[in-house]
C-alpha atoms as a PDB file:
ATOM      1  CA  MET A   1     224.271  41.558  73.150  1.00  0.00           C
ATOM      2  CA  SER A   2     227.879  42.305  72.259  1.00  0.00           C
ATOM      3  CA  GLY A   3     230.977  39.927  71.149  1.00  0.00           C
ATOM      4  CA  ARG A   4     230.646  36.971  69.591  1.00  0.00           C
ATOM      5  CA  ALA A   5     228.585  33.570  70.514  1.00  0.00           C
ATOM      6  CA  VAL A   6     228.653  30.173  69.360  1.00  0.00           C
ATOM      7  CA  ALA A   7     225.980  27.266  69.839  1.00  0.00           C
ATOM      8  CA  LEU A   8     227.033  24.170  69.597  1.00  0.00           C
ATOM      9  CA  CYS A   9     224.215  21.788  68.292  1.00  0.00           C
ATOM     10  CA  LEU A  10     224.535  18.095  68.611  1.00  0.00           C
ATOM     11  CA  ARG A  11     221.743  15.771  67.226  1.00  0.00           C
ATOM     12  CA  ALA A  12     221.614  12.414  68.269  1.00  0.00           C
ATOM     13  CA  ALA A  13     219.353   9.981  65.948  1.00  0.00           C
ATOM     14  CA  ALA A  14     218.709   6.466  64.640  1.00  0.00           C
ATOM     15  CA  PRO A  15     216.433   4.981  62.412  1.00  0.00           C
ATOM     16  CA  PRO A  16     213.437   3.409  63.724  1.00  0.00           C
ATOM     17  CA  THR A  17     213.961  -0.529  64.415  1.00  0.00           C
ATOM     18  CA  GLU A  18     211.600  -2.998  63.084  1.00  0.00           C
ATOM     19  CA  ARG A  19     209.846  -5.455  65.927  1.00  0.00           C
ATOM     20  CA  GLY A  20     211.347  -8.359  66.691  1.00  0.00           C
ATOM     21  CA  ALA A  21     214.907  -7.165  65.400  1.00  0.00           C
ATOM     22  CA  GLY A  22     218.148  -8.655  66.665  1.00  0.00           C
ATOM     23  CA  ALA A  23     220.848  -7.066  69.176  1.00  0.00           C
ATOM     24  CA  ALA A  24     223.161  -7.410  65.434  1.00  0.00           C
ATOM     25  CA  ASP A  25     220.268  -5.592  63.562  1.00  0.00           C
ATOM     26  CA  PRO A  26     222.230  -2.211  62.110  1.00  0.00           C
ATOM     27  CA  ALA A  27     219.294   0.178  63.318  1.00  0.00           C
ATOM     28  CA  ALA A  28     219.371  -1.854  66.778  1.00  0.00           C
ATOM     29  CA  ALA A  29     222.860  -1.283  67.208  1.00  0.00           C
ATOM     30  CA  ALA A  30     223.221   2.531  65.763  1.00  0.00           C
ATOM     31  CA  LEU A  31     219.946   3.123  68.499  1.00  0.00           C
ATOM     32  CA  ARG A  32     222.360   1.625  71.329  1.00  0.00           C
ATOM     33  CA  ALA A  33     224.951   3.884  69.853  1.00  0.00           C
ATOM     34  CA  ALA A  34     223.116   7.146  70.563  1.00  0.00           C
ATOM     35  CA  VAL A  35     221.143   6.446  73.540  1.00  0.00           C
ATOM     36  CA  ALA A  36     225.176   5.529  74.818  1.00  0.00           C
ATOM     37  CA  ALA A  37     226.520   8.708  73.955  1.00  0.00           C
ATOM     38  CA  VAL A  38     223.605  10.558  75.085  1.00  0.00           C
ATOM     39  CA  THR A  39     223.966   9.496  78.215  1.00  0.00           C
ATOM     40  CA  ASP A  40     228.155  10.108  78.248  1.00  0.00           C
ATOM     41  CA  LEU A  41     227.229  13.571  77.221  1.00  0.00           C
ATOM     42  CA  ALA A  42     224.020  14.068  80.197  1.00  0.00           C
ATOM     43  CA  ASP A  43     227.170  12.877  82.772  1.00  0.00           C
ATOM     44  CA  THR A  44     229.384  15.556  81.421  1.00  0.00           C
ATOM     45  CA  LEU A  45     226.876  18.359  81.411  1.00  0.00           C
ATOM     46  CA  GLU A  46     226.418  17.595  85.106  1.00  0.00           C
ATOM     47  CA  ALA A  47     229.831  19.166  85.707  1.00  0.00           C
ATOM     48  CA  ALA A  48     229.626  22.132  82.958  1.00  0.00           C
ATOM     49  CA  VAL A  49     227.964  24.243  84.538  1.00  0.00           C
ATOM     50  CA  ASP A  50     229.308  27.066  82.815  1.00  0.00           C
ATOM     51  CA  SER A  51     228.383  26.059  79.271  1.00  0.00           C
ATOM     52  CA  ALA A  52     225.517  25.768  76.733  1.00  0.00           C
ATOM     53  CA  THR A  53     224.662  22.982  74.375  1.00  0.00           C
ATOM     54  CA  THR A  54     221.992  22.316  72.314  1.00  0.00           C
ATOM     55  CA  LEU A  55     220.877  18.676  71.706  1.00  0.00           C
ATOM     56  CA  ALA A  56     218.757  17.525  68.947  1.00  0.00           C
ATOM     57  CA  LEU A  57     216.787  14.328  69.890  1.00  0.00           C
ATOM     58  CA  ALA A  58     215.008  11.706  67.488  1.00  0.00           C
ATOM     59  CA  PRO A  59     212.089  10.314  68.557  1.00  0.00           C
ATOM     60  CA  ALA A  60     213.745   6.813  68.546  1.00  0.00           C
ATOM     61  CA  VAL A  61     216.226   8.031  70.919  1.00  0.00           C
ATOM     62  CA  ALA A  62     214.312   9.818  73.066  1.00  0.00           C
ATOM     63  CA  ALA A  63     212.433   6.918  73.715  1.00  0.00           C
ATOM     64  CA  ALA A  64     215.095   4.477  74.154  1.00  0.00           C
ATOM     65  CA  LEU A  65     216.647   6.472  76.921  1.00  0.00           C
ATOM     66  CA  PRO A  66     216.887   5.497  80.563  1.00  0.00           C
ATOM     67  CA  GLU A  67     214.333   7.368  83.329  1.00  0.00           C
ATOM     68  CA  ASP A  68     217.488   8.963  85.053  1.00  0.00           C
ATOM     69  CA  VAL A  69     219.089  10.225  81.804  1.00  0.00           C
ATOM     70  CA  VAL A  70     215.618  11.689  80.794  1.00  0.00           C
ATOM     71  CA  ILE A  71     215.269  13.324  84.199  1.00  0.00           C
ATOM     72  CA  ALA A  72     218.557  14.565  84.180  1.00  0.00           C
ATOM     73  CA  LEU A  73     218.115  16.207  80.433  1.00  0.00           C
ATOM     74  CA  ARG A  74     214.921  17.950  82.088  1.00  0.00           C
ATOM     75  CA  GLY A  75     217.043  19.464  84.833  1.00  0.00           C
ATOM     76  CA  GLN A  76     220.034  20.697  82.727  1.00  0.00           C
ATOM     77  CA  GLU A  77     217.538  22.688  80.483  1.00  0.00           C
ATOM     78  CA  ALA A  78     215.473  23.704  83.370  1.00  0.00           C
ATOM     79  CA  ARG A  79     219.205  25.305  84.698  1.00  0.00           C
ATOM     80  CA  GLY A  80     219.737  26.571  81.181  1.00  0.00           C
ATOM     81  CA  THR A  81     222.993  24.711  80.155  1.00  0.00           C
ATOM     82  CA  LEU A  82     221.284  22.740  77.673  1.00  0.00           C
ATOM     83  CA  GLU A  83     218.065  23.141  75.301  1.00  0.00           C
ATOM     84  CA  VAL A  84     216.808  19.983  73.851  1.00  0.00           C
ATOM     85  CA  CYS A  85     215.153  20.102  70.035  1.00  0.00           C
ATOM     86  CA  MET A  86     213.222  18.069  68.053  1.00  0.00           C
ATOM     87  CA  THR A  87     213.941  16.062  64.907  1.00  0.00           C
ATOM     88  CA  PRO A  88     211.238  15.032  62.636  1.00  0.00           C
ATOM     89  CA  ALA A  89     209.700  11.069  63.526  1.00  0.00           C
ATOM     90  CA  THR A  90     212.277   9.327  61.151  1.00  0.00           C
ATOM     91  CA  ASP A  91     215.591  10.164  59.603  1.00  0.00           C
ATOM     92  CA  ALA A  92     213.167  11.134  56.581  1.00  0.00           C
ATOM     93  CA  TRP A  93     214.892  13.826  53.783  1.00  0.00           C
ATOM     94  CA  LEU A  94     211.704  16.041  53.806  1.00  0.00           C
ATOM     95  CA  PRO A  95     212.315  17.848  50.852  1.00  0.00           C
ATOM     96  CA  GLY A  96     211.390  14.551  49.462  1.00  0.00           C
ATOM     97  CA  LEU A  97     207.891  14.501  50.946  1.00  0.00           C
ATOM     98  CA  GLY A  98     204.386  15.449  50.066  1.00  0.00           C
ATOM     99  CA  PRO A  99     202.820  18.184  52.336  1.00  0.00           C
ATOM    100  CA  GLY A 100     200.903  15.140  54.251  1.00  0.00           C
ATOM    101  CA  GLY A 101     204.487  13.283  55.110  1.00  0.00           C
ATOM    102  CA  LEU A 102     206.192  16.629  55.693  1.00  0.00           C
ATOM    103  CA  ARG A 103     203.044  17.418  58.265  1.00  0.00           C
ATOM    104  CA  ALA A 104     203.136  13.723  59.890  1.00  0.00           C
ATOM    105  CA  GLN A 105     207.109  13.836  60.211  1.00  0.00           C
ATOM    106  CA  VAL A 106     207.282  17.117  62.132  1.00  0.00           C
ATOM    107  CA  GLY A 107     203.923  16.605  64.253  1.00  0.00           C
ATOM    108  CA  ILE A 108     204.530  13.371  65.195  1.00  0.00           C
ATOM    109  CA  GLY A 109     207.909  14.469  66.123  1.00  0.00           C
ATOM    110  CA  ALA A 110     206.715  17.220  67.964  1.00  0.00           C
ATOM    111  CA  ALA A 111     204.777  15.367  70.112  1.00  0.00           C
ATOM    112  CA  ALA A 112     206.442  12.421  70.770  1.00  0.00           C
ATOM    113  CA  HIS A 113     209.175  15.076  71.864  1.00  0.00           C
ATOM    114  CA  ARG A 114     206.534  16.627  74.087  1.00  0.00           C
ATOM    115  CA  ARG A 115     205.289  13.344  75.644  1.00  0.00           C
ATOM    116  CA  ARG A 116     208.757  11.937  76.584  1.00  0.00           C
ATOM    117  CA  LEU A 117     210.997  15.030  77.646  1.00  0.00           C
ATOM    118  CA  ALA A 118     207.794  16.546  79.156  1.00  0.00           C
ATOM    119  CA  ARG A 119     208.685  20.101  77.378  1.00  0.00           C
ATOM    120  CA  GLN A 120     207.569  22.318  74.593  1.00  0.00           C
ATOM    121  CA  PRO A 121     210.479  21.676  71.672  1.00  0.00           C
ATOM    122  CA  LEU A 122     211.212  25.573  70.305  1.00  0.00           C
ATOM    123  CA  GLY A 123     213.752  24.390  67.807  1.00  0.00           C
ATOM    124  CA  LEU A 124     214.253  21.376  64.832  1.00  0.00           C
ATOM    125  CA  TRP A 125     217.292  20.023  63.240  1.00  0.00           C
ATOM    126  CA  PRO A 126     215.625  18.731  59.722  1.00  0.00           C
ATOM    127  CA  ARG A 127     218.148  16.009  58.121  1.00  0.00           C
ATOM    128  CA  ASP A 128     220.602  17.450  55.725  1.00  0.00           C
ATOM    129  CA  LEU A 129     219.751  20.938  57.405  1.00  0.00           C
ATOM    130  CA  ALA A 130     217.142  21.482  54.424  1.00  0.00           C
ATOM    131  CA  VAL A 131     214.426  23.637  54.295  1.00  0.00           C
ATOM    132  CA  PRO A 132     211.827  22.520  51.794  1.00  0.00           C
ATOM    133  CA  PRO A 133     208.788  24.906  51.322  1.00  0.00           C
ATOM    134  CA  HIS A 134     206.345  25.148  53.598  1.00  0.00           C
ATOM    135  CA  LEU A 135     207.995  23.907  56.644  1.00  0.00           C
ATOM    136  CA  CYS A 136     208.329  26.807  58.638  1.00  0.00           C
ATOM    137  CA  ASP A 137     204.395  27.247  57.735  1.00  0.00           C
ATOM    138  CA  ASP A 138     203.863  23.482  58.938  1.00  0.00           C
ATOM    139  CA  VAL A 139     206.289  23.990  62.319  1.00  0.00           C
ATOM    140  CA  TRP A 140     204.863  27.276  63.710  1.00  0.00           C
ATOM    141  CA  PRO A 141     201.429  26.061  64.778  1.00  0.00           C
ATOM    142  CA  LEU A 142     203.802  23.402  66.911  1.00  0.00           C
ATOM    143  CA  GLY A 143     205.393  26.006  68.917  1.00  0.00           C
ATOM    144  CA  VAL A 144     208.759  25.558  66.674  1.00  0.00           C
ATOM    145  CA  ARG A 145     210.335  29.319  66.703  1.00  0.00           C
ATOM    146  CA  TRP A 146     214.048  27.982  65.494  1.00  0.00           C
ATOM    147  CA  VAL A 147     215.161  25.889  62.618  1.00  0.00           C
ATOM    148  CA  LEU A 148     218.735  24.756  61.474  1.00  0.00           C
ATOM    149  CA  ALA A 149     219.534  25.521  58.045  1.00  0.00           C
ATOM    150  CA  ALA A 150     222.465  25.215  55.545  1.00  0.00           C
ATOM    151  CA  PRO A 151     224.397  28.221  54.700  1.00  0.00           C
ATOM    152  CA  ALA A 152     223.347  27.792  51.155  1.00  0.00           C
ATOM    153  CA  ALA A 153     219.647  28.187  51.843  1.00  0.00           C
ATOM    154  CA  LEU A 154     220.050  31.507  53.278  1.00  0.00           C
ATOM    155  CA  ALA A 155     222.899  32.703  50.360  1.00  0.00           C
ATOM    156  CA  LEU A 156     220.100  31.511  47.732  1.00  0.00           C
ATOM    157  CA  GLY A 157     217.534  32.687  49.589  1.00  0.00           C
ATOM    158  CA  ARG A 158     214.864  35.733  48.541  1.00  0.00           C
ATOM    159  CA  PRO A 159     216.874  37.952  49.772  1.00  0.00           C
ATOM    160  CA  ALA A 160     220.184  36.359  48.916  1.00  0.00           C
ATOM    161  CA  LEU A 161     222.200  36.940  52.611  1.00  0.00           C
ATOM    162  CA  PRO A 162     225.164  35.621  51.709  1.00  0.00           C
ATOM    163  CA  GLY A 163     227.406  35.522  55.094  1.00  0.00           C
ATOM    164  CA  ALA A 164     224.231  35.781  57.318  1.00  0.00           C
ATOM    165  CA  THR A 165     223.652  33.349  59.922  1.00  0.00           C
ATOM    166  CA  VAL A 166     220.412  34.188  61.016  1.00  0.00           C
ATOM    167  CA  ALA A 167     217.244  35.739  59.425  1.00  0.00           C
ATOM    168  CA  PHE A 168     213.650  35.007  60.225  1.00  0.00           C
ATOM    169  CA  HIS A 169     211.354  33.213  58.012  1.00  0.00           C
ATOM    170  CA  PRO A 170     208.326  35.642  56.964  1.00  0.00           C
ATOM    171  CA  ARG A 171     206.588  32.964  59.149  1.00  0.00           C
ATOM    172  CA  GLY A 172     208.199  33.803  62.036  1.00  0.00           C
ATOM    173  CA  VAL A 173     210.776  31.143  62.728  1.00  0.00           C
ATOM    174  CA  ALA A 174     214.194  32.167  62.771  1.00  0.00           C
ATOM    175  CA  LEU A 175     216.401  30.339  60.658  1.00  0.00           C
ATOM    176  CA  LEU A 176     219.832  29.315  61.978  1.00  0.00           C
ATOM    177  CA  ALA A 177     222.338  28.589  59.411  1.00  0.00           C
ATOM    178  CA  ALA A 178     224.555  26.123  60.970  1.00  0.00           C
ATOM    179  CA  CYS A 179     228.345  24.739  59.701  1.00  0.00           C
ATOM    180  CA  PRO A 180     229.971  21.589  60.696  1.00  0.00           C
ATOM    181  CA  PHE A 181     232.095  21.682  63.411  1.00  0.00           C
ATOM    182  CA  GLY A 182     235.193  20.317  61.387  1.00  0.00           C
ATOM    183  CA  ALA A 183     234.756  22.519  58.793  1.00  0.00           C
ATOM    184  CA  ASP A 184     237.305  25.612  57.553  1.00  0.00           C
ATOM    185  CA  ASP A 185     234.897  27.865  57.806  1.00  0.00           C
ATOM    186  CA  ALA A 186     233.356  27.078  61.007  1.00  0.00           C
ATOM    187  CA  ASP A 187     234.540  29.987  63.275  1.00  0.00           C
ATOM    188  CA  ALA A 188     234.202  32.815  60.600  1.00  0.00           C
ATOM    189  CA  ALA A 189     232.636  35.639  62.492  1.00  0.00           C
ATOM    190  CA  PRO A 190     229.558  36.659  60.979  1.00  0.00           C
ATOM    191  CA  GLY A 191     228.467  40.115  60.728  1.00  0.00           C
ATOM    192  CA  GLY A 192     225.774  41.866  62.371  1.00  0.00           C
ATOM    193  CA  PRO A 193     225.038  43.681  65.747  1.00  0.00           C
ATOM    194  CA  ALA A 194     225.486  40.313  67.376  1.00  0.00           C
ATOM    195  CA  PRO A 195     227.173  37.784  65.752  1.00  0.00           C
ATOM    196  CA  LEU A 196     226.745  34.248  65.967  1.00  0.00           C
ATOM    197  CA  ILE A 197     228.637  31.174  64.949  1.00  0.00           C
ATOM    198  CA  VAL A 198     226.463  27.349  64.836  1.00  0.00           C
ATOM    199  CA  LEU A 199     228.142  24.351  64.838  1.00  0.00           C
ATOM    200  CA  CYS A 200     226.818  20.970  64.209  1.00  0.00           C
ATOM    201  CA  ALA A 201     227.654  17.446  65.188  1.00  0.00           C
ATOM    202  CA  ASP A 202     226.663  14.229  65.216  1.00  0.00           C
ATOM    203  CA  ILE A 203     226.121  13.068  69.083  1.00  0.00           C
ATOM    204  CA  GLY A 204     229.134  10.432  68.409  1.00  0.00           C
ATOM    205  CA  ASP A 205     231.598  13.221  67.510  1.00  0.00           C
ATOM    206  CA  ALA A 206     231.005  15.614  71.011  1.00  0.00           C
ATOM    207  CA  ALA A 207     233.677  15.451  72.418  1.00  0.00           C
ATOM    208  CA  ALA A 208     235.359  16.816  69.348  1.00  0.00           C
ATOM    209  CA  ALA A 209     232.801  19.098  69.073  1.00  0.00           C
ATOM    210  CA  ARG A 210     232.742  20.850  72.116  1.00  0.00           C
ATOM    211  CA  GLN A 211     236.445  20.808  72.454  1.00  0.00           C
ATOM    212  CA  ARG A 212     236.286  23.179  68.929  1.00  0.00           C
ATOM    213  CA  ALA A 213     233.365  25.163  70.598  1.00  0.00           C
ATOM    214  CA  GLY A 214     235.368  25.985  73.572  1.00  0.00           C
ATOM    215  CA  ALA A 215     238.356  27.054  71.568  1.00  0.00           C
ATOM    216  CA  LEU A 216     236.768  29.620  69.396  1.00  0.00           C
ATOM    217  CA  ASP A 217     236.826  33.246  71.514  1.00  0.00           C
ATOM    218  CA  ALA A 218     233.240  33.193  71.997  1.00  0.00           C
ATOM    219  CA  GLU A 219     230.104  32.841  74.247  1.00  0.00           C
ATOM    220  CA  PRO A 220     228.288  29.588  75.002  1.00  0.00           C
ATOM    221  CA  ILE A 221     224.564  30.310  74.142  1.00  0.00           C
ATOM    222  CA  THR A 222     221.339  28.395  73.070  1.00  0.00           C
ATOM    223  CA  PRO A 223     219.378  28.867  70.134  1.00  0.00           C
ATOM    224  CA  SER A 224     216.706  30.098  71.904  1.00  0.00           C
ATOM    225  CA  ARG A 225     218.805  32.419  74.519  1.00  0.00           C
ATOM    226  CA  TYR A 226     220.345  33.658  71.906  1.00  0.00           C
ATOM    227  CA  LEU A 227     217.063  34.795  70.182  1.00  0.00           C
ATOM    228  CA  ALA A 228     215.904  36.228  73.488  1.00  0.00           C
ATOM    229  CA  ARG A 229     218.726  38.567  73.673  1.00  0.00           C
ATOM    230  CA  ALA A 230     219.189  39.325  69.858  1.00  0.00           C
ATOM    231  CA  PRO A 231     215.532  39.476  68.286  1.00  0.00           C
ATOM    232  CA  ARG A 232     216.238  41.764  65.451  1.00  0.00           C
ATOM    233  CA  HIS A 233     217.159  39.936  61.982  1.00  0.00           C
ATOM    234  CA  PRO A 234     216.945  40.350  58.425  1.00  0.00           C
ATOM    235  CA  MET A 235     213.728  38.625  56.882  1.00  0.00           C
ATOM    236  CA  CYS A 236     214.212  35.528  54.123  1.00  0.00           C
ATOM    237  CA  GLU A 237     212.665  32.952  52.238  1.00  0.00           C
ATOM    238  CA  PRO A 238     214.982  29.837  52.652  1.00  0.00           C
ATOM    239  CA  ALA A 239     215.949  27.628  49.139  1.00  0.00           C
ATOM    240  CA  ALA A 240     214.861  24.587  49.427  1.00  0.00           C
ATOM    241  CA  LEU A 241     217.988  22.732  48.670  1.00  0.00           C
ATOM    242  CA  ALA A 242     216.618  19.987  46.680  1.00  0.00           C
ATOM    243  CA  GLY A 243     219.747  19.637  44.472  1.00  0.00           C
ATOM    244  CA  VAL A 244     220.947  17.619  47.931  1.00  0.00           C
ATOM    245  CA  ASP A 245     222.611  14.229  46.789  1.00  0.00           C
ATOM    246  CA  ALA A 246     220.254  11.653  46.810  1.00  0.00           C
ATOM    247  CA  ALA A 247     222.654   8.832  47.845  1.00  0.00           C
ATOM    248  CA  ALA A 248     222.450  10.803  51.522  1.00  0.00           C
ATOM    249  CA  ARG A 249     218.718  11.019  51.879  1.00  0.00           C
ATOM    250  CA  GLY A 250     218.181   7.572  53.231  1.00  0.00           C
ATOM    251  CA  PRO A 251     215.492   4.738  53.207  1.00  0.00           C
ATOM    252  CA  PHE A 252     212.930   6.847  54.578  1.00  0.00           C
ATOM    253  CA  ALA A 253     212.899  10.147  52.545  1.00  0.00           C
ATOM    254  CA  GLY A 254     210.134   8.963  49.996  1.00  0.00           C
ATOM    255  CA  PRO A 255     206.503   8.784  50.476  1.00  0.00           C
ATOM    256  CA  GLY A 256     206.065   5.506  49.852  1.00  0.00           C
ATOM    257  CA  LEU A 257     205.648   2.108  52.098  1.00  0.00           C
ATOM    258  CA  PRO A 258     208.817   2.150  54.372  1.00  0.00           C
ATOM    259  CA  MET A 259     208.320   5.288  55.707  1.00  0.00           C
ATOM    260  CA  LEU A 260     204.906   4.447  56.182  1.00  0.00           C
ATOM    261  CA  ARG A 261     205.765   2.053  57.959  1.00  0.00           C
ATOM    262  CA  ALA A 262     208.357   3.514  60.233  1.00  0.00           C
ATOM    263  CA  LEU A 263     205.903   6.195  61.412  1.00  0.00           C
ATOM    264  CA  ARG A 264     203.309   3.729  62.429  1.00  0.00           C
ATOM    265  CA  GLN A 265     206.027   1.762  64.053  1.00  0.00           C
ATOM    266  CA  LEU A 266     207.040   5.149  66.018  1.00  0.00           C
ATOM    267  CA  GLU A 267     203.164   5.809  66.839  1.00  0.00           C
ATOM    268  CA  ALA A 268     203.090   2.919  67.964  1.00  0.00           C
ATOM    269  CA  ALA A 269     205.960   2.192  70.144  1.00  0.00           C
ATOM    270  CA  LEU A 270     205.924   6.063  71.752  1.00  0.00           C
END
């Protein structure tokens, strides 16, 4: 593989809604917005035969998608213009969970993805791109082969890999350092024999993110296809990023009742 490649990754997530919540409920409104954005993306990708996009679908969003949209996503994935990856079961901040909560989040998320998309998810987008200890150990048996990570996870890892965008966890899971599509350094060319730029964005910013990715002098590619073509990368034990702002962790970060209630509601709905 020669030249630069760009992997555009979009995330469609919404918190699980409480049973009986009305249309004005913020969680319900967020879910409707995410479903509408995924529907628009599916329509856009039907005409984008020479593009490559990665879509991280939260279980709550995937469950709410109309069947025709799910069928369209499956077809685009079969054609190679789309890769659909998973998120944890809820919008939990994974470093805030204990081992049991972490396994539940990724296990339920993977099972929900397989059930709704009829596909094995090969990738994971964790909230805030935070990679806690043992995450790769937990997702490898689930069939996950790559995880999006904050660049600092590699820059502060063991060994430190400043400037690297791809590394392998000792378990075998690939770590892809991702930058927000609007960041000043989002189009920096990493070193190595197969440079990769990973741009991430919320599904609501899909149009602007696609424009930014298209403006780069780089081949559009999905993470799994990139790894198949460029399988050699350094080894790294990523930093846990435990210092992320606590205010950004959301209501399902802790191991207490809110998260457990959300997991049970999600299991019942799927």
